[in-house]
N, C-alpha and C. Protein backbone atom coordinates (compact mmCIF):
# COMPACT_ATOMS: atom_id res chain seq x y z
N MET A 1 0.83 -1.18 0.00
CA MET A 1 0.00 0.00 0.00
C MET A 1 0.88 1.25 0.00
N GLU A 2 0.59 2.11 -0.92
CA GLU A 2 1.35 3.36 -1.02
C GLU A 2 0.65 4.47 -0.25
N THR A 3 1.46 5.28 0.40
CA THR A 3 0.90 6.45 1.08
C THR A 3 1.38 7.69 0.35
N THR A 4 0.53 8.66 0.30
CA THR A 4 0.92 9.92 -0.32
C THR A 4 1.15 10.95 0.78
N LYS A 5 2.19 11.68 0.61
CA LYS A 5 2.54 12.71 1.59
C LYS A 5 1.83 14.00 1.21
N LYS A 6 1.03 14.49 2.12
CA LYS A 6 0.28 15.72 1.87
C LYS A 6 1.05 16.90 2.46
N GLU A 7 1.18 17.95 1.70
CA GLU A 7 1.86 19.15 2.18
C GLU A 7 0.92 19.95 3.06
N LYS A 8 1.42 20.36 4.22
CA LYS A 8 0.61 21.15 5.14
C LYS A 8 0.44 22.57 4.60
N GLN A 9 -0.77 23.10 4.80
CA GLN A 9 -1.00 24.49 4.44
C GLN A 9 -0.61 25.41 5.59
N PHE A 10 -0.73 24.89 6.81
CA PHE A 10 -0.42 25.69 7.99
C PHE A 10 0.27 24.78 9.01
N ASP A 11 1.45 25.19 9.48
CA ASP A 11 2.20 24.40 10.44
C ASP A 11 2.23 25.16 11.77
N ALA A 12 1.38 24.75 12.70
CA ALA A 12 1.24 25.44 13.98
C ALA A 12 2.51 25.33 14.81
N VAL A 13 3.18 24.19 14.76
CA VAL A 13 4.40 24.01 15.55
C VAL A 13 5.49 24.96 15.05
N LYS A 14 5.64 25.07 13.74
CA LYS A 14 6.64 25.99 13.19
C LYS A 14 6.31 27.43 13.56
N MET A 15 5.02 27.80 13.48
CA MET A 15 4.62 29.15 13.82
C MET A 15 4.96 29.46 15.29
N ARG A 16 4.64 28.51 16.19
CA ARG A 16 4.93 28.72 17.60
C ARG A 16 6.42 28.88 17.84
N ARG A 17 7.22 28.05 17.20
CA ARG A 17 8.68 28.14 17.35
C ARG A 17 9.20 29.46 16.83
N ASP A 18 8.68 29.93 15.70
CA ASP A 18 9.10 31.21 15.15
C ASP A 18 8.76 32.37 16.09
N VAL A 19 7.55 32.34 16.65
CA VAL A 19 7.13 33.39 17.58
C VAL A 19 8.00 33.37 18.84
N MET A 20 8.23 32.18 19.38
CA MET A 20 9.04 32.08 20.59
C MET A 20 10.47 32.54 20.34
N GLU A 21 11.01 32.24 19.17
CA GLU A 21 12.36 32.69 18.82
C GLU A 21 12.42 34.22 18.72
N LYS A 22 11.37 34.82 18.13
CA LYS A 22 11.31 36.28 18.00
C LYS A 22 11.24 36.94 19.38
N ILE A 23 10.38 36.41 20.25
CA ILE A 23 10.25 36.97 21.60
C ILE A 23 11.56 36.81 22.36
N SER A 24 12.17 35.66 22.24
CA SER A 24 13.43 35.40 22.93
C SER A 24 14.52 36.38 22.48
N SER A 25 14.61 36.63 21.18
CA SER A 25 15.64 37.55 20.70
C SER A 25 15.36 39.00 21.13
N GLU A 26 14.07 39.35 21.24
CA GLU A 26 13.72 40.71 21.67
C GLU A 26 13.96 40.92 23.16
N THR A 27 13.90 39.88 23.95
CA THR A 27 13.96 40.02 25.41
C THR A 27 15.23 39.45 26.04
N GLN A 28 16.16 38.96 25.27
CA GLN A 28 17.30 38.24 25.80
C GLN A 28 18.17 39.03 26.79
N ASN A 29 18.32 40.31 26.62
CA ASN A 29 19.18 41.09 27.50
C ASN A 29 18.41 42.03 28.42
N MET A 30 17.12 41.78 28.59
CA MET A 30 16.30 42.65 29.42
C MET A 30 16.40 42.28 30.89
N THR A 31 16.30 43.31 31.72
CA THR A 31 16.19 43.07 33.16
C THR A 31 14.76 42.63 33.45
N PHE A 32 14.51 42.20 34.68
CA PHE A 32 13.17 41.77 35.06
C PHE A 32 12.17 42.91 34.89
N GLU A 33 12.55 44.12 35.29
CA GLU A 33 11.66 45.27 35.17
C GLU A 33 11.37 45.59 33.71
N GLU A 34 12.39 45.52 32.85
CA GLU A 34 12.19 45.75 31.42
C GLU A 34 11.28 44.68 30.81
N LEU A 35 11.44 43.44 31.26
CA LEU A 35 10.61 42.35 30.77
C LEU A 35 9.16 42.55 31.18
N LYS A 36 8.92 42.98 32.41
CA LYS A 36 7.54 43.26 32.84
C LYS A 36 6.93 44.37 31.99
N ALA A 37 7.70 45.42 31.70
CA ALA A 37 7.20 46.53 30.87
C ALA A 37 6.93 46.04 29.44
N TYR A 38 7.78 45.18 28.92
CA TYR A 38 7.60 44.61 27.58
C TYR A 38 6.29 43.83 27.51
N ILE A 39 6.05 42.98 28.50
CA ILE A 39 4.83 42.17 28.53
C ILE A 39 3.61 43.06 28.66
N LYS A 40 3.68 44.06 29.54
CA LYS A 40 2.56 44.98 29.72
C LYS A 40 2.25 45.71 28.42
N GLN A 41 3.28 46.16 27.72
CA GLN A 41 3.09 46.87 26.45
C GLN A 41 2.44 45.96 25.41
N LYS A 42 2.90 44.72 25.32
CA LYS A 42 2.33 43.78 24.35
C LYS A 42 0.86 43.49 24.67
N LEU A 43 0.53 43.36 25.95
CA LEU A 43 -0.86 43.14 26.34
C LEU A 43 -1.72 44.35 26.02
N ASP A 44 -1.19 45.55 26.29
CA ASP A 44 -1.94 46.78 25.98
C ASP A 44 -2.17 46.91 24.48
N ASP A 45 -1.14 46.59 23.69
CA ASP A 45 -1.25 46.69 22.23
C ASP A 45 -2.30 45.74 21.68
N SER A 46 -2.40 44.55 22.28
CA SER A 46 -3.34 43.56 21.75
C SER A 46 -4.71 43.65 22.41
N LYS A 47 -4.84 44.53 23.39
CA LYS A 47 -6.09 44.71 24.14
C LYS A 47 -6.56 43.41 24.80
N THR A 48 -5.59 42.58 25.18
CA THR A 48 -5.88 41.32 25.86
C THR A 48 -5.98 41.58 27.35
N LYS A 49 -7.00 41.04 27.98
CA LYS A 49 -7.15 41.19 29.42
C LYS A 49 -6.53 39.99 30.12
N LEU A 50 -5.93 40.25 31.27
CA LEU A 50 -5.40 39.18 32.08
C LEU A 50 -6.54 38.37 32.67
N ILE A 51 -6.30 37.14 32.99
CA ILE A 51 -7.31 36.29 33.58
C ILE A 51 -7.73 36.89 34.93
N GLY A 52 -9.05 37.00 35.14
CA GLY A 52 -9.57 37.54 36.39
C GLY A 52 -9.77 39.05 36.37
N GLN A 53 -9.49 39.67 35.26
CA GLN A 53 -9.67 41.13 35.19
C GLN A 53 -10.75 41.50 34.21
């Protein structure tokens, strides 16, 4: 029995790895306070609410 390999249209694992790599490179030399400000800014930009708020 032959199997055919289907090409993925969307690779969620690759996307997650790419995003994590981007975040890591942006935050690699930040202090804890700078990292908190970075996260707060990203949350404000996306208008995402924290759980419980």
